[in-house]
């Protein structure tokens, strides 16, 4: 009887929040974009507070175990540099990252056999074998270790275990955020807020318009005890038998990319960016709970199959399942400019370009929410159509956006102006001074947009 009287909504006015930090720039989200934004802003002299809900930095790179940095090349030109390149170099120095040297990037079956299982191939290429390009396979704990070092060296104030809950507003201007913590509600105030949540949590809470997209969800995992040499030898020496077993493995798991396992810097440990699940909403508690349960079920069904059938996997075992679900698309900002699929496909270069991915460019306007002042958006939730975002959401371009967002925020604070009033040319100049490529100098294959809309 009580259940029949349960209300559908309750009034829950927020309690007071204790102000625990005040800085020039507040970055919400410690994933690749937020980490890059925090470091970049601090290197420009701004005081920075970085807020993260998990007990580590890295987001989907570390917690989601998306263990290849790709979509950072235009042919043999490496296009995404700066903090992304610094992260790669520093992980490689501690043995936590592997990538093909320049003289081993090209197109041949020999190179493909050597590097494809590291994920270092052009996954958009139509020709076979796919060309080997600049891409980096890394260890998730290596990412956490290096990001901790870089954040500490920069002097960023980091607050982990802090779950964003609401925006602090003064009219249409955001002045801070409130987080739920073990110590109660805590407020962090700042002059510029960067939304790097991946799901547009802050901008949406501030009243920004957005579209609600969705894409496949993935429960990523790693296997240990794999004889990768035997597995690769089987693929190339018995291709027909391999194809049959590989096809069945994909049926068992219910969805994956073509190469469902890739090498990692740890011997005998492989990364499995699967199983994929469709028709689920990354903002729905019910759907993401279902994905976590269903994904783990499929993982162990796959392990049973490959142990029994796949050479090299006879003694494999699950090391871990990523603590973060692989969510690719949820809320997408409806910003001052909405990037389209044609923009990405045609390599449109904008007058206000401030970041880039492989051969596409990101205009500053697509990082600015309509009607909200004091905020910059950086990451996979930037202003783009659903189809455009699916083609431009990889980690390196998100890091490029983050670095430019951090620089833009610092410039806004230094000049006491709104982020919207910051010059894109000034952002690009500072990013270049930090060693990054903001895309202000278009590649030869770019399509030039002469005038900003």
Protein backbone atom coordinates (compact mmCIF):
# COMPACT_ATOMS: atom_id res chain seq x y z
CA UNK A 1 0.00 0.00 0.00
CA UNK A 2 2.82 2.41 0.86
CA UNK A 3 4.34 1.84 -2.55
CA UNK A 4 1.15 3.11 -4.22
CA UNK A 5 1.51 6.44 -2.35
CA UNK A 6 5.16 7.05 -3.29
CA UNK A 7 5.38 10.50 -4.96
CA UNK A 8 6.95 10.83 -8.38
CA UNK A 9 8.92 13.90 -7.30
CA UNK A 10 10.03 15.45 -4.01
CA UNK A 11 11.16 18.97 -3.11
CA UNK A 12 14.86 18.88 -2.28
CA UNK A 13 16.28 22.38 -1.88
CA UNK A 14 20.08 22.30 -1.84
CA UNK A 15 21.78 22.96 1.48
CA UNK A 16 24.46 25.57 1.91
CA UNK A 17 27.85 24.63 0.49
CA UNK A 18 31.16 25.41 2.14
CA UNK A 19 33.53 27.39 -0.07
CA UNK A 20 36.71 25.29 -0.05
CA UNK A 21 38.66 26.80 -2.95
CA UNK A 22 38.87 29.95 -5.05
CA UNK A 23 41.01 30.24 -8.18
CA UNK A 24 41.24 32.08 -11.48
CA UNK A 25 40.26 28.99 -13.46
CA UNK A 26 38.20 26.00 -12.34
CA UNK A 27 38.35 22.88 -14.52
CA UNK A 28 35.65 20.26 -13.95
CA UNK A 29 36.75 16.84 -15.18
CA UNK A 30 40.25 15.38 -14.92
CA UNK A 31 40.18 13.39 -18.17
CA UNK A 32 42.51 14.10 -21.10
CA UNK A 33 40.80 17.39 -22.04
CA UNK A 34 40.49 18.66 -18.46
CA UNK A 35 44.00 17.63 -17.52
CA UNK A 36 45.38 19.44 -20.58
CA UNK A 37 43.28 22.53 -19.82
CA UNK A 38 44.47 22.67 -16.22
CA UNK A 39 48.16 22.32 -17.10
CA UNK A 40 47.93 24.84 -19.96
CA UNK A 41 46.12 27.47 -17.87
CA UNK A 42 48.57 27.09 -15.00
CA UNK A 43 51.55 27.39 -17.36
CA UNK A 44 50.11 30.73 -18.46
CA UNK A 45 50.19 31.97 -14.87
CA UNK A 46 46.56 31.46 -13.82
CA UNK A 47 45.72 29.81 -10.52
CA UNK A 48 43.84 26.61 -11.30
CA UNK A 49 41.63 24.15 -9.40
CA UNK A 50 40.96 20.80 -11.09
CA UNK A 51 37.95 18.80 -9.92
CA UNK A 52 37.55 15.07 -10.58
CA UNK A 53 34.97 12.61 -9.28
CA UNK A 54 37.19 9.51 -9.51
CA UNK A 55 40.30 8.77 -7.37
CA UNK A 56 42.64 9.26 -10.35
CA UNK A 57 43.23 11.50 -13.34
CA UNK A 58 42.86 10.35 -16.93
CA UNK A 59 39.15 9.73 -17.43
CA UNK A 60 38.53 7.37 -20.32
CA UNK A 61 42.27 7.18 -21.07
CA UNK A 62 43.09 5.58 -17.72
CA UNK A 63 39.82 4.67 -16.00
CA UNK A 64 38.08 3.79 -19.26
CA UNK A 65 41.26 2.07 -20.51
CA UNK A 66 41.11 3.52 -24.02
CA UNK A 67 44.74 2.55 -24.45
CA UNK A 68 45.70 3.93 -27.86
CA UNK A 69 46.24 7.58 -28.71
CA UNK A 70 45.25 7.93 -32.36
CA UNK A 71 43.53 10.28 -34.81
CA UNK A 72 46.58 12.55 -34.58
CA UNK A 73 48.02 12.38 -38.08
CA UNK A 74 47.36 13.81 -41.53
CA UNK A 75 49.09 11.29 -43.74
CA UNK A 76 52.59 11.19 -42.27
CA UNK A 77 52.21 14.64 -40.69
CA UNK A 78 51.74 14.48 -36.90
CA UNK A 79 49.05 17.06 -36.21
CA UNK A 80 48.20 16.77 -32.53
CA UNK A 81 51.15 17.85 -30.45
CA UNK A 82 51.78 19.94 -27.33
CA UNK A 83 50.64 18.41 -24.05
CA UNK A 84 49.56 15.24 -25.90
CA UNK A 85 53.09 14.74 -27.26
CA UNK A 86 54.58 15.54 -23.87
CA UNK A 87 52.40 12.88 -22.26
CA UNK A 88 53.50 10.31 -24.87
CA UNK A 89 57.19 11.13 -24.44
CA UNK A 90 57.03 10.99 -20.66
CA UNK A 91 55.14 7.69 -20.62
CA UNK A 92 57.63 6.21 -23.11
CA UNK A 93 60.52 7.28 -20.85
CA UNK A 94 59.17 5.08 -18.03
CA UNK A 95 58.35 2.13 -20.30
CA UNK A 96 54.60 2.80 -20.30
CA UNK A 97 54.14 3.74 -23.97
CA UNK A 98 55.05 2.25 -27.38
CA UNK A 99 54.76 3.88 -30.82
CA UNK A 100 56.33 3.39 -34.26
CA UNK A 101 59.39 5.56 -34.97
CA UNK A 102 59.16 7.85 -38.03
CA UNK A 103 61.15 5.46 -40.25
CA UNK A 104 58.64 2.67 -39.57
CA UNK A 105 55.56 4.63 -40.57
CA UNK A 106 54.44 3.71 -44.05
CA UNK A 107 52.54 1.09 -46.03
CA UNK A 108 53.73 -2.49 -46.38
CA UNK A 109 52.67 -5.88 -45.07
CA UNK A 110 55.89 -6.10 -43.10
CA UNK A 111 55.14 -2.86 -41.26
CA UNK A 112 51.50 -3.83 -40.81
CA UNK A 113 52.42 -7.16 -39.26
CA UNK A 114 54.83 -5.44 -36.87
CA UNK A 115 52.67 -2.52 -35.77
CA UNK A 116 48.97 -3.21 -36.41
CA UNK A 117 48.44 -5.00 -33.09
CA UNK A 118 49.72 -1.89 -31.32
CA UNK A 119 46.83 0.04 -32.88
CA UNK A 120 49.30 2.16 -34.88
CA UNK A 121 47.51 2.00 -38.22
CA UNK A 122 45.22 4.37 -40.10
CA UNK A 123 41.85 2.96 -39.10
CA UNK A 124 40.06 5.10 -41.69
CA UNK A 125 42.17 3.91 -44.65
CA UNK A 126 40.41 2.00 -47.43
CA UNK A 127 43.59 0.44 -48.87
CA UNK A 128 45.20 -2.78 -47.64
CA UNK A 129 47.33 -3.11 -45.74
CA UNK A 130 46.35 -0.03 -43.75
CA UNK A 131 49.27 2.41 -43.48
CA UNK A 132 51.22 2.53 -40.23
CA UNK A 133 51.01 6.02 -38.75
CA UNK A 134 51.81 7.84 -35.54
CA UNK A 135 49.71 6.35 -32.74
CA UNK A 136 50.74 5.38 -29.22
CA UNK A 137 49.79 2.34 -27.13
CA UNK A 138 50.08 3.03 -23.40
CA UNK A 139 49.56 1.56 -19.94
CA UNK A 140 46.67 3.06 -17.91
CA UNK A 141 48.63 3.30 -14.68
CA UNK A 142 51.47 4.90 -16.62
CA UNK A 143 49.00 7.60 -17.64
CA UNK A 144 47.96 8.18 -14.03
CA UNK A 145 51.56 8.36 -12.88
CA UNK A 146 52.67 10.84 -15.54
CA UNK A 147 49.57 13.02 -15.22
CA UNK A 148 50.08 13.24 -11.45
CA UNK A 149 53.67 14.35 -12.05
CA UNK A 150 52.72 16.97 -14.64
CA UNK A 151 49.88 18.38 -12.54
CA UNK A 152 52.13 18.62 -9.47
CA UNK A 153 54.94 20.26 -11.44
CA UNK A 154 52.52 22.83 -12.87
CA UNK A 155 51.15 23.65 -9.42
CA UNK A 156 47.50 22.84 -10.04
CA UNK A 157 45.24 22.43 -6.99
CA UNK A 158 43.60 19.03 -7.50
CA UNK A 159 40.43 17.91 -5.72
CA UNK A 160 39.61 14.24 -6.41
CA UNK A 161 36.57 12.42 -4.97
CA UNK A 162 34.46 15.49 -5.81
CA UNK A 163 31.28 14.85 -7.81
CA UNK A 164 29.91 17.93 -9.62
CA UNK A 165 26.27 18.58 -8.70
CA UNK A 166 25.32 22.15 -9.66
CA UNK A 167 26.50 25.40 -11.16
CA UNK A 168 26.81 28.62 -9.18
CA UNK A 169 25.30 31.40 -11.30
CA UNK A 170 25.15 35.19 -11.22
CA UNK A 171 22.54 35.88 -13.87
CA UNK A 172 23.85 34.31 -17.06
CA UNK A 173 27.43 34.16 -15.78
CA UNK A 174 28.84 31.06 -14.09
CA UNK A 175 30.95 31.88 -11.03
CA UNK A 176 31.66 28.46 -9.58
CA UNK A 177 30.49 24.92 -9.02
CA UNK A 178 29.18 22.83 -6.15
CA UNK A 179 30.39 19.26 -5.63
CA UNK A 180 29.08 16.42 -3.49
CA UNK A 181 31.82 14.96 -1.28
CA UNK A 182 32.23 12.79 1.81
CA UNK A 183 32.58 16.06 3.73
CA UNK A 184 29.27 17.39 2.39
CA UNK A 185 28.52 19.94 -0.30
CA UNK A 186 31.56 21.99 -1.24
CA UNK A 187 31.77 25.06 -3.48
CA UNK A 188 34.73 25.97 -5.69
CA UNK A 189 34.61 29.48 -7.13
CA UNK A 190 36.47 30.88 -10.14
CA UNK A 191 36.56 33.58 -12.79
CA UNK A 192 36.41 31.10 -15.69
CA UNK A 193 34.94 27.60 -15.54
CA UNK A 194 35.98 24.93 -18.04
CA UNK A 195 33.52 22.10 -18.58
CA UNK A 196 35.63 19.03 -19.39
CA UNK A 197 33.17 16.47 -18.00
CA UNK A 198 32.64 14.67 -21.31
CA UNK A 199 28.88 14.73 -20.73
CA UNK A 200 28.43 18.53 -20.61
CA UNK A 201 27.34 18.27 -16.97
CA UNK A 202 28.37 21.81 -16.00
CA UNK A 203 27.13 23.67 -19.07
CA UNK A 204 23.79 21.82 -18.95
CA UNK A 205 23.38 22.65 -15.27
CA UNK A 206 24.17 26.30 -16.06
CA UNK A 207 21.31 26.38 -18.55
CA UNK A 208 23.19 25.93 -21.81
CA UNK A 209 21.32 24.42 -24.73
CA UNK A 210 22.47 21.05 -26.04
CA UNK A 211 21.41 18.04 -28.06
CA UNK A 212 21.15 14.55 -26.60
CA UNK A 213 23.04 12.02 -28.67
CA UNK A 214 23.98 8.39 -28.13
CA UNK A 215 26.42 5.86 -29.49
CA UNK A 216 27.74 2.42 -28.55
CA UNK A 217 28.77 1.68 -24.95
CA UNK A 218 31.72 -0.60 -24.19
CA UNK A 219 33.00 -2.50 -21.16
CA UNK A 220 36.72 -2.43 -21.91
CA UNK A 221 38.97 -5.08 -20.34
CA UNK A 222 42.51 -6.51 -20.36
CA UNK A 223 43.66 -10.11 -20.61
CA UNK A 224 46.91 -11.48 -19.22
CA UNK A 225 48.73 -14.71 -20.02
CA UNK A 226 48.44 -14.20 -23.79
CA UNK A 227 51.18 -15.52 -26.09
CA UNK A 228 50.92 -12.63 -28.56
CA UNK A 229 53.60 -14.06 -30.87
CA UNK A 230 51.69 -17.33 -31.23
CA UNK A 231 48.42 -15.48 -31.76
CA UNK A 232 49.88 -13.25 -34.48
CA UNK A 233 51.67 -16.15 -36.15
CA UNK A 234 48.38 -18.03 -36.34
CA UNK A 235 46.66 -15.06 -37.96
CA UNK A 236 49.21 -14.63 -40.73
CA UNK A 237 50.17 -18.28 -41.34
CA UNK A 238 46.67 -19.80 -41.19
CA UNK A 239 44.47 -16.89 -42.32
CA UNK A 240 41.40 -18.91 -43.31
CA UNK A 241 41.24 -20.84 -40.04
CA UNK A 242 41.96 -17.66 -38.11
CA UNK A 243 39.15 -15.80 -39.89
CA UNK A 244 36.61 -18.46 -38.88
CA UNK A 245 37.64 -18.44 -35.22
CA UNK A 246 37.88 -14.66 -35.10
CA UNK A 247 34.42 -14.29 -36.59
CA UNK A 248 32.97 -16.61 -33.99
CA UNK A 249 34.76 -14.77 -31.18
CA UNK A 250 33.05 -11.57 -32.30
CA UNK A 251 29.68 -13.34 -32.35
CA UNK A 252 30.25 -14.56 -28.80
CA UNK A 253 31.05 -11.07 -27.48
CA UNK A 254 28.30 -9.45 -29.53
CA UNK A 255 30.19 -6.53 -31.02
CA UNK A 256 33.74 -5.24 -31.51
CA UNK A 257 36.12 -3.45 -33.84
CA UNK A 258 37.95 -5.48 -36.49
CA UNK A 259 41.00 -6.04 -34.26
CA UNK A 260 39.32 -6.88 -30.96
CA UNK A 261 42.61 -7.27 -29.08
CA UNK A 262 45.73 -5.11 -29.19
CA UNK A 263 49.13 -5.26 -27.55
CA UNK A 264 50.07 -3.16 -24.54
CA UNK A 265 53.49 -2.18 -23.13
CA UNK A 266 53.13 -5.00 -20.57
CA UNK A 267 54.34 -8.40 -21.90
CA UNK A 268 51.54 -10.93 -22.30
CA UNK A 269 48.86 -8.34 -21.54
CA UNK A 270 46.39 -7.36 -24.27
CA UNK A 271 43.79 -4.63 -24.45
CA UNK A 272 40.26 -5.49 -25.58
CA UNK A 273 38.16 -2.47 -26.57
CA UNK A 274 34.98 -4.52 -26.49
CA UNK A 275 32.26 -5.76 -26.13
CA UNK A 276 30.14 -3.03 -27.72
CA UNK A 277 26.50 -2.58 -26.79
CA UNK A 278 24.00 -0.54 -28.81
CA UNK A 279 20.68 1.11 -28.01
CA UNK A 280 21.77 2.30 -24.56
CA UNK A 281 21.87 5.85 -23.19
CA UNK A 282 25.04 6.89 -21.37
CA UNK A 283 22.99 9.27 -19.18
CA UNK A 284 20.50 6.63 -18.04
CA UNK A 285 21.28 4.95 -14.72
CA UNK A 286 19.28 1.94 -15.82
CA UNK A 287 21.07 1.64 -19.16
CA UNK A 288 24.61 2.05 -17.87
CA UNK A 289 23.91 -0.42 -15.07
CA UNK A 290 22.65 -2.89 -17.66
CA UNK A 291 25.78 -2.29 -19.75
CA UNK A 292 28.08 -3.01 -16.80
CA UNK A 293 26.34 -6.31 -16.03
CA UNK A 294 25.86 -7.42 -19.63
CA UNK A 295 29.39 -6.44 -20.62
CA UNK A 296 31.00 -8.52 -17.90
CA UNK A 297 28.83 -11.48 -18.87
CA UNK A 298 30.00 -11.22 -22.49
CA UNK A 299 33.64 -10.83 -21.46
CA UNK A 300 33.72 -14.15 -19.64
CA UNK A 301 31.84 -15.89 -22.46
CA UNK A 302 34.57 -14.67 -24.82
CA UNK A 303 37.34 -15.81 -22.49
CA UNK A 304 35.87 -19.31 -22.31
CA UNK A 305 35.70 -19.45 -26.10
CA UNK A 306 39.22 -18.21 -26.90
CA UNK A 307 40.82 -20.39 -24.20
CA UNK A 308 39.30 -23.41 -25.89
CA UNK A 309 39.84 -22.40 -29.51
CA UNK A 310 42.29 -19.57 -30.19
CA UNK A 311 46.05 -20.25 -30.39
CA UNK A 312 47.94 -17.99 -28.02
CA UNK A 313 44.96 -17.58 -25.68
CA UNK A 314 44.99 -21.04 -24.07
CA UNK A 315 46.12 -19.69 -20.68
CA UNK A 316 44.61 -16.23 -20.78
CA UNK A 317 42.80 -14.67 -17.83
CA UNK A 318 40.99 -11.43 -17.07
CA UNK A 319 43.28 -8.90 -15.38
CA UNK A 320 40.72 -6.16 -15.00
CA UNK A 321 37.59 -4.60 -16.43
CA UNK A 322 37.76 -0.83 -16.82
CA UNK A 323 36.26 0.93 -13.79
CA UNK A 324 34.65 3.46 -16.16
CA UNK A 325 32.17 2.40 -18.79
CA UNK A 326 33.17 3.36 -22.34
CA UNK A 327 30.64 6.11 -23.06
CA UNK A 328 31.25 7.86 -26.38
CA UNK A 329 28.41 10.33 -26.79
CA UNK A 330 25.72 11.85 -24.57
CA UNK A 331 25.04 15.59 -24.39
CA UNK A 332 26.58 17.72 -27.14
CA UNK A 333 26.89 21.47 -26.70
CA UNK A 334 24.74 23.73 -28.86
CA UNK A 335 27.41 26.38 -29.11
CA UNK A 336 28.11 29.55 -31.04
CA UNK A 337 28.99 27.27 -33.97
CA UNK A 338 27.95 23.66 -34.53
CA UNK A 339 30.56 21.59 -36.37
CA UNK A 340 29.00 19.41 -39.07
CA UNK A 341 29.96 16.10 -40.64
CA UNK A 342 30.86 17.97 -43.84
CA UNK A 343 33.17 20.25 -41.85
CA UNK A 344 35.07 17.22 -40.60
CA UNK A 345 35.05 15.26 -43.85
CA UNK A 346 36.00 18.27 -45.99
CA UNK A 347 38.78 19.33 -43.58
CA UNK A 348 37.24 22.79 -43.25
CA UNK A 349 39.66 25.29 -41.74
CA UNK A 350 37.96 28.11 -39.84
CA UNK A 351 39.17 31.68 -39.27
CA UNK A 352 38.85 31.02 -35.52
CA UNK A 353 40.50 27.57 -35.50
CA UNK A 354 42.19 26.93 -32.14
CA UNK A 355 42.60 23.12 -32.08
CA UNK A 356 42.89 20.18 -34.45
CA UNK A 357 42.68 16.44 -34.80
CA UNK A 358 44.03 14.30 -37.62
CA UNK A 359 43.04 16.45 -40.62
CA UNK A 360 40.08 18.37 -39.20
CA UNK A 361 39.93 21.65 -37.28
CA UNK A 362 38.04 22.96 -34.27
CA UNK A 363 36.72 26.55 -34.25
CA UNK A 364 36.77 28.43 -30.96
CA UNK A 365 33.07 29.17 -31.36
CA UNK A 366 32.30 25.45 -31.01
CA UNK A 367 33.77 25.59 -27.49
CA UNK A 368 31.57 28.48 -26.30
CA UNK A 369 28.04 27.89 -24.95
CA UNK A 370 25.31 30.21 -26.16
CA UNK A 371 24.04 32.74 -23.62
CA UNK A 372 26.41 31.59 -20.84
CA UNK A 373 29.36 33.78 -19.90
CA UNK A 374 32.51 32.76 -18.06
CA UNK A 375 32.67 29.24 -19.51
CA UNK A 376 34.66 27.30 -22.09
CA UNK A 377 33.87 23.69 -23.11
CA UNK A 378 36.58 21.18 -24.07
CA UNK A 379 36.28 17.51 -24.96
CA UNK A 380 34.01 15.08 -26.75
CA UNK A 381 30.91 17.11 -25.75
CA UNK A 382 31.92 20.17 -27.81
CA UNK A 383 29.43 21.77 -30.20
CA UNK A 384 29.00 19.32 -33.08
CA UNK A 385 26.30 17.28 -34.74
CA UNK A 386 26.05 13.64 -33.67
CA UNK A 387 27.62 12.41 -36.91
CA UNK A 388 30.45 14.96 -36.74
CA UNK A 389 31.22 14.10 -33.13
CA UNK A 390 31.50 10.40 -33.92
CA UNK A 391 34.34 11.28 -36.32
CA UNK A 392 36.17 13.76 -34.06
CA UNK A 393 35.94 12.51 -30.46
CA UNK A 394 39.26 10.69 -30.01
CA UNK A 395 41.57 11.50 -27.10
CA UNK A 396 44.34 13.53 -28.88
CA UNK A 397 41.95 16.09 -30.44
CA UNK A 398 40.21 16.39 -27.07
CA UNK A 399 43.61 17.13 -25.51
CA UNK A 400 44.21 19.77 -28.18
CA UNK A 401 40.87 21.36 -27.33
CA UNK A 402 41.74 21.20 -23.64
CA UNK A 403 45.09 22.92 -24.09
CA UNK A 404 43.46 25.74 -26.07
CA UNK A 405 40.63 26.05 -23.55
CA UNK A 406 43.11 26.39 -20.71
CA UNK A 407 45.06 29.07 -22.58
CA UNK A 408 41.83 30.92 -23.45
CA UNK A 409 40.72 30.88 -19.81
CA UNK A 410 44.07 32.24 -18.63
CA UNK A 411 43.99 35.01 -21.26
CA UNK A 412 40.45 35.97 -20.20
CA UNK A 413 41.51 36.22 -16.56
CA UNK A 414 44.66 38.20 -17.37
CA UNK A 415 42.70 40.78 -19.39
CA UNK A 416 39.59 40.72 -17.17
CA UNK A 417 37.37 39.90 -20.13
CA UNK A 418 34.86 37.20 -21.01
CA UNK A 419 36.23 34.05 -22.67
CA UNK A 420 34.03 34.95 -25.62
CA UNK A 421 36.05 38.15 -26.10
CA UNK A 422 39.43 36.37 -26.23
CA UNK A 423 41.14 36.53 -29.61
CA UNK A 424 41.53 33.11 -31.29
CA UNK A 425 44.84 34.36 -32.75
CA UNK A 426 46.09 35.11 -29.24
CA UNK A 427 45.09 31.61 -28.11
CA UNK A 428 46.97 30.05 -31.02
CA UNK A 429 50.09 32.09 -30.35
CA UNK A 430 50.19 30.96 -26.72
CA UNK A 431 49.52 27.32 -27.61
CA UNK A 432 52.38 27.40 -30.10
CA UNK A 433 54.62 28.91 -27.42
CA UNK A 434 53.71 25.89 -25.27
CA UNK A 435 54.79 23.55 -28.07
CA UNK A 436 51.35 22.70 -29.44
CA UNK A 437 49.79 22.90 -32.90
CA UNK A 438 46.44 24.73 -32.60
CA UNK A 439 45.69 24.31 -36.30
CA UNK A 440 45.96 27.99 -37.17
CA UNK A 441 48.28 27.05 -40.04
CA UNK A 442 46.18 24.77 -42.26
CA UNK A 443 47.66 21.74 -43.95
CA UNK A 444 47.79 21.62 -47.74
CA UNK A 445 44.62 19.49 -47.97
CA UNK A 446 42.45 21.82 -45.87
CA UNK A 447 39.37 23.57 -47.29
CA UNK A 448 39.57 27.21 -46.23
CA UNK A 449 36.52 28.97 -44.81
CA UNK A 450 37.27 32.62 -45.44
CA UNK A 451 34.80 34.26 -43.09
CA UNK A 452 33.41 33.24 -39.71
CA UNK A 453 29.63 32.93 -39.61
